[in-house]
Each structure stands twice: as C-alpha cells, then as structure tokens.
Amino acid sequence: MEKLWLIIQREYKTRVFNKKFFLITILTPLLIAALSTVLAFIISYQSDDKMKIAIVDESNIFQKTIKDTKKMYFTFYSKSAKDARQTYLKDGFDALVIVPPFSDPNSTSHSIQYVSKKQININIENTIERTFSKRIEDYKIKSLGLDENLIKNLEVDISINPEISVTDGKNIASTNYSNLRTAVASGIGGIMGFLMYLILFINGSNVMRSVMEEKTNRIVEVMISSVKPMQLMLGKIIAVTAVGITQIIIWIAIFLLATTVFQLFVDIPQPTDLEEMKKAGSSIDPDDIRVMMSQLMHELTQIEWWYLLPMFILYFLGGLIIYSSLFAAVGSAVGDDIQEGQSLVLPITIPIILAFYIMTVAVRDPDSPLALWSSIFPLFSPIVMPARLAFSPPIWQVLLSVFLLILGVWFFVWLSGRIYRVGILMYGKKASFKELGKWIFYKE
C-alpha cells in the first residue's frame, strides 16, 4: 500500500501541479460558455439586409393594408402585373409580389407569385405567407358574414402543465412540473453528459500517453523492479480519478462564484415578489429577461442536488476508472510506433462516441428503450445515466445501473491488468487483438 500511495502521489502531482492542467481546467468552462453563446447566435442569426417589395393586388383584397416588417417594406404597385414585371427593378424594388384574383371565399388555398432576381429564402417565404394569409383570412370572415369576435373566441391557446403521480400504497402524491422545469432538466442532463464525455476522453488519453512514454523511455523497467505491474496501473488510474475529481470541484466552485456574482450585480426579482405583483394586478411581461432569470433560478433551487451530484460523481468515478484502465492497457500494448495504437484505441473510443449521441436522445426522450438500456450498460451508463437523472428515472433502473457499473469496473480493471502486465515489458512485437487475447490468459 505504501508503494501504491507513492505512485498515486507522483502521478497526481505530475498532472495537477503544472500550467497545462490549470489552463485546461479554467478555460474549459469558459470555452463551453463561449461555444454555447456562438451556437445560440448562429441559430438565431438573421441577415441585416432590408428588402423593398412591390405588391400588385389583382384580387383587390388587401386595399393597401399590408404592414411593413423590420426588414421588409411593402409598397402597392398601381401597374398591371405584366408592366410591373418589366419595371419593378428600375423603380428600386428588390422583389415583386403578384396576388391573382380571389373569387371564391370558400376556397381553402390561394397561390401568389413572387418575382425576383434572387432565389427566395425560407425566412422571406415564411414572412410573406404569414402576412398575406392573415389578411386573406380577415377578408374571408367579412365576405362570409361571420362575427369576427366570435371567430377570435374560438381560438384556444393550449399550454401543457404535466403532472407526475407517484403511487405509494394507497396514497398518491402529485407534483406539477412546468415547461421551464423540463427545459432546465434537459439542460442539466445535457451538460452532465457532455462533461462526462469530455473528461473521459481527456483523462483517458492522458493515461495512455503516460504509459506509452514510460514504456518508450524504458522508465517502466526500473519501476517494475520495485512494484508489481497491477500496482503501477492502479496507481495511475486512481491518480487520474483524483485529478478528475479536482477538476469537478474547481468547476463547481467557478459555477457557484459566477452565480453569486451574477446575483449581486443583476437585480433578479424573487418568485414570491412575482406572485405578489400578480395579485396586486401589475402586468408582468413573460419575455422580460429579469422574469425569465427569476424563474430559472427558482427552478434550479427546486432540483434535488443532494441526490443528483453524488450520483453524478459515482458515475464519473466508475466511467473514468473503466476507460482509464482500457486506455492504460492500450498504452502498454503499443511499442515505439505510436501509429500502432490507433487501431487499438478505436474499439475504446467508439463506445464513448456512441454514448454521447445516445445521451442527446436521452435528453429528448429519457424513457425511451434506447435511453433505458444504454443507461444500464456499463460502457454507456457513465454518460447516458447522468443525462437521465435530472428526469427522476425509476429507482430500480438506477440501482441496476449502479450494480452493473460496479461489476463493469471490476471486470475491465481485471481485464486491463492482465494485458498491462504483459504488454508493459513487451518490445519489438506489433500488438494485435489476437495477441491481446493471448496476453489475458498468460500465467504469472
């Protein structure tokens, strides 16, 4: 145990007490935040180009009632459709909309023509369809002699308020979940799954490189003279796990610090204040960013962090030990040519990548069969189950997943140790999957 502890100390200090570790640990959350901001900007990006559109109303429906939008300006053209096609560009318009006659108010479809030198894009097409269909709808209501107020009263805005019932003997406890809570759960699940994916790749690769360097430099021969190969491998795995825990602690501290600073400098109303404002009759804009942040902070406080964080750490430890041991086994099997390791690493990286994509499905549909069985399989569960935990899966699924994860840790550490003890001292022979299979059954 004393020798194992020395190995753990050496590996931990080598990884933690250097500039690279702190740069990666500090920059990773900043890069994730920056990437999320960039992605949100790209998704919501709209061109600043403004368009002037001429309208030829052959139907006499619109009567110059089409209103301009932020980026589209409409002008009713007094020319005929034939003349307008030839002159709209000379008159300074970017496009021409021709509305054919609309004779039957009972008709359920109507086509309008869009003329331009450029191909129409989806945003312009959707804006024109919404704008003109609303005006035609108003025209049909008046033409058919319908009561406009009565038609408006027929429109119903449906909002879903899910209710989860938990049966405990004869008692049924119900808990209401808002749409925001579902969104928060999805966000937390996605972030946890992504962090697991990132940490497994980074730390697993570090273990493999460390083993390869020691083998190539022949340092391992000196170390093996005083410790057993299994002790050396376990020391590396435990040290890497401790490094990962250190990273998580730092990230949690950064998150708490950022949240505290944000609350200090931004005046966010408390949910109780919002309720009092509603009772007093004050109007609350649901699009107000302060209101949205208040609701978000309230939902974050309602999450069972006392359960979620320990379970996340448990899956983090299990996944990191499994994949670190596998990467260590591959590192021990690779010789001087690092390119040899690419074919051996592939079977390890495939489950991580598959688990990441399954995690995205689990966030959208946490109770699907794919999400369920993937969260139980030990090679997938470290990434998939943390994404499901925010949705409170049945306890039997969590217990079964944890049990199989513990068995997976024992099995893969044993398997990797059998390969490591032979491969770490094997030189000049190219390792293949067939050779690795033989190494497993070599006697001491």
Protein backbone atom coordinates (compact mmCIF):
# COMPACT_ATOMS: atom_id res chain seq x y z
CA MET A 1 0.00 0.00 0.00
CA GLU A 2 2.91 2.35 0.73
CA LYS A 3 4.29 1.85 -2.78
CA LEU A 4 0.83 2.29 -4.31
CA TRP A 5 0.41 5.54 -2.40
CA LEU A 6 3.77 6.81 -3.68
CA ILE A 7 2.71 6.06 -7.26
CA ILE A 8 -0.60 7.89 -6.76
CA GLN A 9 1.18 10.93 -5.28
CA ARG A 10 3.68 11.06 -8.12
CA GLU A 11 1.08 10.74 -10.86
CA TYR A 12 -1.29 13.24 -9.21
CA LYS A 13 1.36 15.91 -8.62
CA THR A 14 2.76 15.46 -12.13
CA ARG A 15 -0.66 16.13 -13.66
CA VAL A 16 -2.08 18.76 -11.32
CA PHE A 17 0.88 20.99 -10.47
CA ASN A 18 1.57 22.30 -13.95
CA LYS A 19 0.31 25.19 -16.04
CA LYS A 20 -1.38 22.96 -18.62
CA PHE A 21 -3.77 21.49 -16.04
CA PHE A 22 -4.89 24.86 -14.72
CA LEU A 23 -5.24 26.30 -18.22
CA ILE A 24 -7.42 23.39 -19.34
CA THR A 25 -9.46 23.41 -16.11
CA ILE A 26 -10.08 27.15 -16.18
CA LEU A 27 -10.53 27.52 -19.93
CA THR A 28 -12.86 24.54 -20.42
CA PRO A 29 -15.96 26.12 -18.78
CA LEU A 30 -15.15 29.42 -20.48
CA LEU A 31 -14.86 27.70 -23.87
CA ILE A 32 -18.12 25.81 -23.27
CA ALA A 33 -19.87 29.09 -22.38
CA ALA A 34 -18.36 30.81 -25.43
CA LEU A 35 -19.33 27.91 -27.71
CA SER A 36 -22.90 27.93 -26.37
CA THR A 37 -23.10 31.68 -26.99
CA VAL A 38 -21.77 31.33 -30.53
CA LEU A 39 -24.17 28.47 -31.30
CA ALA A 40 -27.11 30.47 -29.93
CA PHE A 41 -26.04 33.43 -32.08
CA ILE A 42 -25.72 31.26 -35.19
CA ILE A 43 -29.12 29.65 -34.64
CA SER A 44 -30.84 33.00 -34.05
CA TYR A 45 -28.85 34.89 -36.69
CA GLN A 46 -30.83 36.93 -39.17
CA SER A 47 -29.44 38.97 -42.01
CA ASP A 48 -29.45 42.77 -41.68
CA ASP A 49 -30.41 43.15 -45.35
CA LYS A 50 -33.63 45.10 -45.90
CA MET A 51 -35.93 44.46 -48.84
CA LYS A 52 -38.34 46.70 -50.73
CA ILE A 53 -41.18 44.62 -52.18
CA ALA A 54 -43.78 45.83 -54.66
CA ILE A 55 -47.30 44.37 -54.49
CA VAL A 56 -49.70 44.07 -57.44
CA ASP A 57 -53.10 43.33 -55.88
CA GLU A 58 -55.25 41.90 -58.69
CA SER A 59 -57.61 40.43 -56.07
CA ASN A 60 -58.49 43.83 -54.52
CA ILE A 61 -58.44 42.13 -51.13
CA PHE A 62 -55.65 43.90 -49.32
CA GLN A 63 -56.60 47.53 -50.01
CA LYS A 64 -53.12 48.73 -49.04
CA THR A 65 -53.35 47.21 -45.56
CA ILE A 66 -50.15 45.12 -45.61
CA LYS A 67 -47.88 46.44 -42.88
CA ASP A 68 -44.10 46.65 -43.10
CA THR A 69 -41.88 44.40 -41.02
CA LYS A 70 -38.45 45.16 -39.54
CA LYS A 71 -36.65 44.06 -42.68
CA MET A 72 -39.34 44.03 -45.37
CA TYR A 73 -41.06 47.16 -46.75
CA PHE A 74 -44.19 46.70 -48.88
CA THR A 75 -45.45 49.16 -51.49
CA PHE A 76 -48.65 48.69 -53.51
CA TYR A 77 -47.95 48.99 -57.21
CA SER A 78 -50.56 50.63 -59.44
CA LYS A 79 -49.26 48.99 -62.63
CA SER A 80 -50.53 45.81 -64.22
CA ALA A 81 -48.77 42.54 -63.49
CA LYS A 82 -47.23 42.48 -67.00
CA ASP A 83 -45.83 46.02 -66.75
CA ALA A 84 -44.71 45.51 -63.15
CA ARG A 85 -42.57 42.52 -64.11
CA GLN A 86 -40.62 44.74 -66.52
CA THR A 87 -40.22 47.84 -64.39
CA TYR A 88 -40.06 46.82 -60.68
CA LEU A 89 -36.24 46.66 -60.68
CA LYS A 90 -35.93 50.06 -62.39
CA ASP A 91 -38.29 51.52 -59.80
CA GLY A 92 -35.95 50.45 -57.00
CA PHE A 93 -37.72 47.32 -55.74
CA ASP A 94 -35.95 44.11 -54.82
CA ALA A 95 -38.91 41.82 -55.48
CA LEU A 96 -42.46 41.77 -56.80
CA VAL A 97 -45.49 40.00 -55.31
CA ILE A 98 -48.49 39.41 -57.57
CA VAL A 99 -51.78 38.41 -55.92
CA PRO A 100 -54.13 36.82 -58.50
CA PRO A 101 -57.91 37.39 -58.25
CA PHE A 102 -59.61 35.66 -55.31
CA SER A 103 -63.19 34.95 -56.35
CA ASP A 104 -64.40 32.16 -54.06
CA PRO A 105 -64.43 32.94 -50.29
CA ASN A 106 -64.96 29.22 -49.60
CA SER A 107 -61.65 28.32 -51.22
CA THR A 108 -59.09 26.86 -48.79
CA SER A 109 -55.97 27.68 -50.84
CA HIS A 110 -54.62 30.55 -52.86
CA SER A 111 -51.32 30.99 -54.71
CA ILE A 112 -49.43 34.23 -55.04
CA GLN A 113 -46.44 34.84 -57.30
CA TYR A 114 -43.05 36.03 -56.11
CA VAL A 115 -40.77 37.59 -58.73
CA SER A 116 -37.12 38.39 -58.03
CA LYS A 117 -33.65 38.03 -59.49
CA LYS A 118 -32.62 36.08 -56.40
CA GLN A 119 -33.89 32.75 -55.16
CA ILE A 120 -36.41 33.25 -52.35
CA ASN A 121 -35.11 32.13 -48.95
CA ILE A 122 -37.12 30.41 -46.23
CA ASN A 123 -37.38 33.48 -43.95
CA ILE A 124 -38.80 35.67 -46.71
CA GLU A 125 -41.17 32.94 -47.83
CA ASN A 126 -42.48 32.36 -44.30
CA THR A 127 -42.93 36.10 -43.66
CA ILE A 128 -44.88 36.61 -46.87
CA GLU A 129 -47.06 33.56 -46.26
CA ARG A 130 -47.92 34.65 -42.70
CA THR A 131 -48.56 38.26 -43.68
CA PHE A 132 -50.80 37.56 -46.66
CA SER A 133 -52.66 34.56 -45.20
CA LYS A 134 -53.75 36.63 -42.17
CA ARG A 135 -55.16 39.35 -44.43
CA ILE A 136 -56.96 36.81 -46.65
CA GLU A 137 -58.40 35.20 -43.53
CA ASP A 138 -59.83 38.56 -42.43
CA TYR A 139 -61.27 39.09 -45.90
CA LYS A 140 -62.98 35.68 -45.86
CA ILE A 141 -64.52 36.36 -42.44
CA LYS A 142 -66.10 39.59 -43.72
CA SER A 143 -67.14 38.09 -47.06
CA LEU A 144 -68.94 35.19 -45.39
CA GLY A 145 -70.65 37.48 -42.90
CA LEU A 146 -69.07 35.86 -39.85
CA ASP A 147 -68.72 37.51 -36.47
CA GLU A 148 -65.04 38.42 -36.12
CA ASN A 149 -65.15 38.44 -32.31
CA LEU A 150 -66.82 35.04 -32.28
CA ILE A 151 -64.10 33.63 -34.55
CA LYS A 152 -61.41 35.01 -32.23
CA ASN A 153 -63.11 33.39 -29.25
CA LEU A 154 -62.82 30.02 -30.98
CA GLU A 155 -59.03 30.26 -30.85
CA VAL A 156 -57.61 28.48 -27.81
CA ASP A 157 -54.02 28.80 -26.60
CA ILE A 158 -53.11 25.39 -25.17
CA SER A 159 -50.35 25.17 -22.57
CA ILE A 160 -49.26 21.83 -21.18
CA ASN A 161 -48.85 21.52 -17.42
CA PRO A 162 -47.56 17.97 -16.83
CA GLU A 163 -48.43 16.19 -13.62
CA ILE A 164 -46.49 13.21 -12.34
CA SER A 165 -48.28 10.88 -9.95
CA VAL A 166 -46.21 8.69 -7.64
CA THR A 167 -48.11 5.80 -6.11
CA ASP A 168 -47.10 4.76 -2.61
CA GLY A 169 -49.55 2.15 -1.37
CA LYS A 170 -52.92 3.88 -1.23
CA ASN A 171 -51.52 7.39 -1.22
CA ILE A 172 -50.90 9.22 -4.48
CA ALA A 173 -48.60 12.22 -4.42
CA SER A 174 -48.75 14.60 -7.35
CA THR A 175 -46.07 17.04 -8.39
CA ASN A 176 -46.60 19.73 -11.03
CA TYR A 177 -43.75 20.37 -13.46
CA SER A 178 -43.68 23.47 -15.65
CA ASN A 179 -42.30 23.63 -19.17
CA LEU A 180 -39.37 25.59 -17.80
CA ARG A 181 -38.56 22.81 -15.36
CA THR A 182 -38.44 20.32 -18.24
CA ALA A 183 -36.12 22.65 -20.14
CA VAL A 184 -33.90 23.06 -17.07
CA ALA A 185 -33.77 19.29 -16.56
CA SER A 186 -32.85 18.80 -20.22
CA GLY A 187 -30.11 21.42 -19.95
CA ILE A 188 -28.63 19.93 -16.78
CA GLY A 189 -28.76 16.42 -18.23
CA GLY A 190 -27.06 17.54 -21.43
CA ILE A 191 -24.33 19.45 -19.58
CA MET A 192 -23.61 16.49 -17.30
CA GLY A 193 -23.43 14.06 -20.21
CA PHE A 194 -21.17 16.39 -22.18
CA LEU A 195 -18.82 16.88 -19.20
CA MET A 196 -18.58 13.11 -18.76
CA TYR A 197 -17.76 12.71 -22.47
CA LEU A 198 -15.11 15.42 -22.30
CA ILE A 199 -13.47 14.19 -19.09
CA LEU A 200 -13.35 10.54 -20.19
CA PHE A 201 -11.64 11.45 -23.46
CA ILE A 202 -9.12 13.89 -21.99
CA ASN A 203 -8.09 11.91 -18.91
CA GLY A 204 -8.21 8.53 -20.65
CA SER A 205 -5.93 9.81 -23.40
CA ASN A 206 -3.57 11.25 -20.78
CA VAL A 207 -3.25 7.84 -19.12
CA MET A 208 -2.47 6.18 -22.44
CA ARG A 209 0.19 8.76 -23.34
CA SER A 210 1.77 8.47 -19.90
CA VAL A 211 2.04 4.67 -20.18
CA MET A 212 3.41 4.91 -23.71
CA GLU A 213 6.06 7.46 -22.71
CA GLU A 214 7.24 5.39 -19.74
CA LYS A 215 7.43 2.29 -21.89
CA THR A 216 9.25 4.04 -24.74
CA ASN A 217 11.75 5.71 -22.38
CA ARG A 218 12.30 2.41 -20.51
CA ILE A 219 11.42 4.10 -17.21
CA VAL A 220 8.86 1.43 -16.53
CA GLU A 221 11.57 -1.27 -16.33
CA VAL A 222 13.04 0.47 -13.31
CA MET A 223 9.64 0.93 -11.69
CA ILE A 224 8.59 -2.68 -12.27
CA SER A 225 11.66 -3.83 -10.35
CA SER A 226 10.13 -2.50 -7.12
CA VAL A 227 6.34 -2.66 -7.72
CA LYS A 228 4.00 -5.06 -9.45
CA PRO A 229 2.51 -4.07 -12.84
CA MET A 230 -1.00 -4.17 -11.37
CA GLN A 231 0.04 -1.75 -8.62
CA LEU A 232 1.56 0.59 -11.16
CA MET A 233 -1.59 0.56 -13.33
CA LEU A 234 -3.90 1.04 -10.33
CA GLY A 235 -1.77 3.93 -9.11
CA LYS A 236 -2.16 5.69 -12.44
CA ILE A 237 -5.91 5.05 -12.58
CA ILE A 238 -6.52 6.27 -9.02
CA ALA A 239 -4.35 9.35 -9.62
CA VAL A 240 -6.22 10.21 -12.83
CA THR A 241 -9.52 9.74 -11.00
CA ALA A 242 -8.32 12.14 -8.29
CA VAL A 243 -7.32 14.63 -10.99
CA GLY A 244 -10.82 14.39 -12.47
CA ILE A 245 -12.42 14.99 -9.06
CA THR A 246 -10.17 18.03 -8.62
CA GLN A 247 -11.38 19.39 -11.95
CA ILE A 248 -15.03 18.89 -10.99
CA ILE A 249 -14.52 20.65 -7.64
CA ILE A 250 -12.90 23.60 -9.41
CA TRP A 251 -15.73 23.73 -11.98
CA ILE A 252 -18.40 23.65 -9.26
CA ALA A 253 -16.57 26.46 -7.44
CA ILE A 254 -16.42 28.52 -10.65
CA PHE A 255 -20.15 27.92 -11.25
CA LEU A 256 -21.09 28.94 -7.70
CA LEU A 257 -18.85 32.01 -7.88
CA ALA A 258 -20.30 33.06 -11.25
CA THR A 259 -23.86 32.59 -9.96
CA THR A 260 -23.15 34.64 -6.82
CA VAL A 261 -21.53 37.47 -8.79
CA PHE A 262 -24.41 37.47 -11.27
CA GLN A 263 -26.98 37.76 -8.49
CA LEU A 264 -25.04 40.59 -6.87
CA PHE A 265 -24.83 42.73 -9.99
CA VAL A 266 -28.20 41.86 -11.57
CA ASP A 267 -31.43 42.69 -9.77
CA ILE A 268 -33.45 39.49 -10.14
CA PRO A 269 -36.93 39.53 -8.57
CA GLN A 270 -37.74 36.59 -6.32
CA PRO A 271 -40.61 34.25 -7.30
CA THR A 272 -42.56 35.45 -4.23
CA ASP A 273 -42.23 39.04 -5.49
CA LEU A 274 -43.64 37.98 -8.86
CA GLU A 275 -46.63 36.34 -7.19
CA GLU A 276 -47.31 39.48 -5.13
CA MET A 277 -47.11 41.60 -8.26
CA LYS A 278 -49.65 39.35 -9.98
CA LYS A 279 -52.02 39.56 -7.00
CA ALA A 280 -51.69 43.34 -6.99
CA GLY A 281 -52.74 43.44 -10.63
CA SER A 282 -49.40 44.52 -12.04
CA SER A 283 -48.71 43.35 -15.56
CA ILE A 284 -45.68 41.07 -15.94
CA ASP A 285 -44.11 40.66 -19.34
CA PRO A 286 -43.23 36.94 -19.70
CA ASP A 287 -40.49 37.90 -22.19
CA ASP A 288 -38.76 40.12 -19.61
CA ILE A 289 -35.25 38.74 -19.16
CA ARG A 290 -35.36 39.51 -15.41
CA VAL A 291 -38.54 37.48 -15.02
CA MET A 292 -37.08 34.62 -17.02
CA MET A 293 -33.92 34.62 -14.91
CA SER A 294 -36.01 34.67 -11.74
CA GLN A 295 -37.96 31.62 -12.88
CA LEU A 296 -34.75 29.89 -13.96
CA MET A 297 -33.05 30.47 -10.59
CA HIS A 298 -36.18 29.25 -8.82
CA GLU A 299 -36.24 26.03 -10.87
CA LEU A 300 -32.55 25.44 -10.15
CA THR A 301 -33.25 25.61 -6.43
CA GLN A 302 -36.03 23.02 -6.79
CA ILE A 303 -33.71 20.38 -8.24
CA GLU A 304 -32.64 17.62 -5.85
CA TRP A 305 -28.94 18.45 -5.91
CA TRP A 306 -28.33 16.32 -2.79
CA TYR A 307 -29.17 13.30 -4.96
CA LEU A 308 -28.04 14.45 -8.38
CA LEU A 309 -24.45 15.48 -7.56
CA PRO A 310 -23.44 12.33 -5.60
CA MET A 311 -24.88 10.13 -8.36
CA PHE A 312 -23.03 12.16 -10.99
CA ILE A 313 -19.77 11.72 -9.05
CA LEU A 314 -20.45 7.98 -8.70
CA TYR A 315 -20.91 7.55 -12.46
CA PHE A 316 -17.97 9.84 -13.06
CA LEU A 317 -15.71 7.66 -10.93
CA GLY A 318 -17.00 4.42 -12.49
CA GLY A 319 -16.65 5.67 -16.06
CA LEU A 320 -13.23 7.19 -15.50
CA ILE A 321 -11.87 4.01 -13.89
CA ILE A 322 -13.25 1.79 -16.68
CA TYR A 323 -11.95 3.86 -19.57
CA SER A 324 -8.66 4.82 -17.88
CA SER A 325 -7.90 1.13 -17.38
CA LEU A 326 -8.72 0.37 -21.02
CA PHE A 327 -6.57 3.25 -22.26
CA ALA A 328 -3.75 2.10 -19.97
CA ALA A 329 -3.97 -1.40 -21.45
CA VAL A 330 -3.75 0.01 -24.97
CA GLY A 331 -0.80 2.23 -23.98
CA SER A 332 1.06 -0.79 -22.63
CA ALA A 333 0.48 -2.73 -25.85
CA VAL A 334 1.86 -0.02 -28.15
CA GLY A 335 5.55 -0.05 -28.99
CA ASP A 336 7.78 2.70 -30.31
CA ASP A 337 5.43 3.39 -33.23
CA ILE A 338 2.57 5.47 -31.82
CA GLN A 339 0.57 4.89 -35.02
CA GLU A 340 0.09 1.29 -33.93
CA GLY A 341 -2.21 2.44 -31.16
CA GLN A 342 -4.81 3.96 -33.49
CA SER A 343 -6.38 0.63 -34.41
CA LEU A 344 -6.35 -0.46 -30.75
CA VAL A 345 -7.88 2.79 -29.49
CA LEU A 346 -10.79 2.64 -31.94
CA PRO A 347 -12.80 -0.02 -30.02
CA ILE A 348 -12.49 2.16 -26.89
CA THR A 349 -13.47 5.45 -28.48
CA ILE A 350 -16.48 4.02 -30.34
CA PRO A 351 -18.49 3.32 -27.12
CA ILE A 352 -17.71 6.83 -25.84
CA ILE A 353 -18.88 8.46 -29.08
CA LEU A 354 -21.98 6.24 -29.29
CA ALA A 355 -22.82 7.03 -25.67
CA PHE A 356 -22.54 10.76 -26.40
CA TYR A 357 -25.04 10.56 -29.27
CA ILE A 358 -27.37 8.32 -27.25
CA MET A 359 -27.17 10.92 -24.48
CA THR A 360 -28.66 13.53 -26.84
CA VAL A 361 -31.57 11.14 -27.44
CA ALA A 362 -31.94 10.54 -23.69
CA VAL A 363 -32.27 14.28 -23.08
CA ARG A 364 -35.14 14.48 -25.59
CA ASP A 365 -36.80 11.20 -24.59
CA PRO A 366 -35.40 9.93 -21.26
CA ASP A 367 -37.83 6.98 -21.02
CA SER A 368 -37.23 5.54 -24.49
CA PRO A 369 -35.96 1.92 -24.68
CA LEU A 370 -32.68 3.13 -26.22
CA ALA A 371 -32.07 5.56 -23.34
CA LEU A 372 -33.15 2.99 -20.75
CA TRP A 373 -30.90 0.09 -21.80
CA SER A 374 -27.98 2.36 -22.66
CA SER A 375 -28.11 3.88 -19.17
CA ILE A 376 -27.76 0.36 -17.74
CA PHE A 377 -24.93 -0.92 -19.99
CA PRO A 378 -21.63 -0.18 -18.13
CA LEU A 379 -19.77 1.24 -21.15
CA PHE A 380 -22.62 3.69 -21.90
CA SER A 381 -24.11 4.38 -18.46
CA PRO A 382 -21.40 6.84 -17.24
CA ILE A 383 -22.51 9.26 -19.98
CA VAL A 384 -26.17 8.35 -20.57
CA MET A 385 -27.45 7.87 -17.00
CA PRO A 386 -26.32 11.34 -15.74
CA ALA A 387 -28.42 12.80 -18.57
CA ARG A 388 -31.46 10.82 -17.33
CA LEU A 389 -31.01 11.51 -13.62
CA ALA A 390 -32.48 15.02 -13.91
CA PHE A 391 -35.74 13.40 -15.10
CA SER A 392 -36.00 11.16 -11.99
CA PRO A 393 -35.91 7.67 -13.57
CA PRO A 394 -37.38 4.74 -11.55
CA ILE A 395 -35.17 3.73 -8.65
CA TRP A 396 -34.86 0.11 -9.86
CA GLN A 397 -33.25 1.33 -13.09
CA VAL A 398 -30.73 3.45 -11.16
CA LEU A 399 -29.89 0.60 -8.76
CA LEU A 400 -29.48 -1.91 -11.60
CA SER A 401 -27.31 0.55 -13.50
CA VAL A 402 -25.09 1.19 -10.44
CA PHE A 403 -24.77 -2.54 -9.76
CA LEU A 404 -23.72 -3.31 -13.34
CA LEU A 405 -21.37 -0.30 -13.31
CA ILE A 406 -19.58 -1.68 -10.24
CA LEU A 407 -19.31 -5.10 -11.91
CA GLY A 408 -18.04 -3.36 -15.05
CA VAL A 409 -15.35 -1.54 -13.05
CA TRP A 410 -14.13 -4.80 -11.53
CA PHE A 411 -14.19 -6.68 -14.85
CA PHE A 412 -12.46 -4.07 -17.01
CA VAL A 413 -9.80 -3.30 -14.41
CA TRP A 414 -9.06 -7.04 -14.15
CA LEU A 415 -9.05 -7.40 -17.96
CA SER A 416 -6.82 -4.36 -18.47
CA GLY A 417 -4.46 -5.51 -15.72
CA ARG A 418 -3.97 -8.87 -17.47
CA ILE A 419 -2.99 -7.07 -20.68
CA TYR A 420 -0.92 -4.40 -18.93
CA ARG A 421 1.32 -6.84 -17.00
CA VAL A 422 2.48 -8.44 -20.27
CA GLY A 423 2.39 -5.51 -22.67
CA ILE A 424 4.36 -3.09 -20.49
CA LEU A 425 7.53 -5.20 -20.88
CA MET A 426 6.88 -6.40 -24.45
CA TYR A 427 9.12 -4.75 -27.08
CA GLY A 428 9.68 -5.28 -30.77
CA LYS A 429 6.42 -7.12 -31.38
CA LYS A 430 3.43 -5.49 -33.00
CA ALA A 431 0.35 -5.99 -30.85
CA SER A 432 -2.89 -7.17 -32.42
CA PHE A 433 -6.24 -8.10 -30.97
CA LYS A 434 -5.26 -11.75 -31.25
CA GLU A 435 -2.08 -11.08 -29.27
CA LEU A 436 -4.02 -9.15 -26.63
CA GLY A 437 -6.33 -12.13 -26.24
CA LYS A 438 -3.33 -14.38 -25.60
CA TRP A 439 -1.89 -11.96 -23.04
CA ILE A 440 -5.07 -12.18 -20.97
CA PHE A 441 -4.54 -15.89 -20.36
CA TYR A 442 -0.77 -15.83 -19.83
CA LYS A 443 0.17 -17.29 -16.46
CA GLU A 444 2.14 -15.28 -13.90
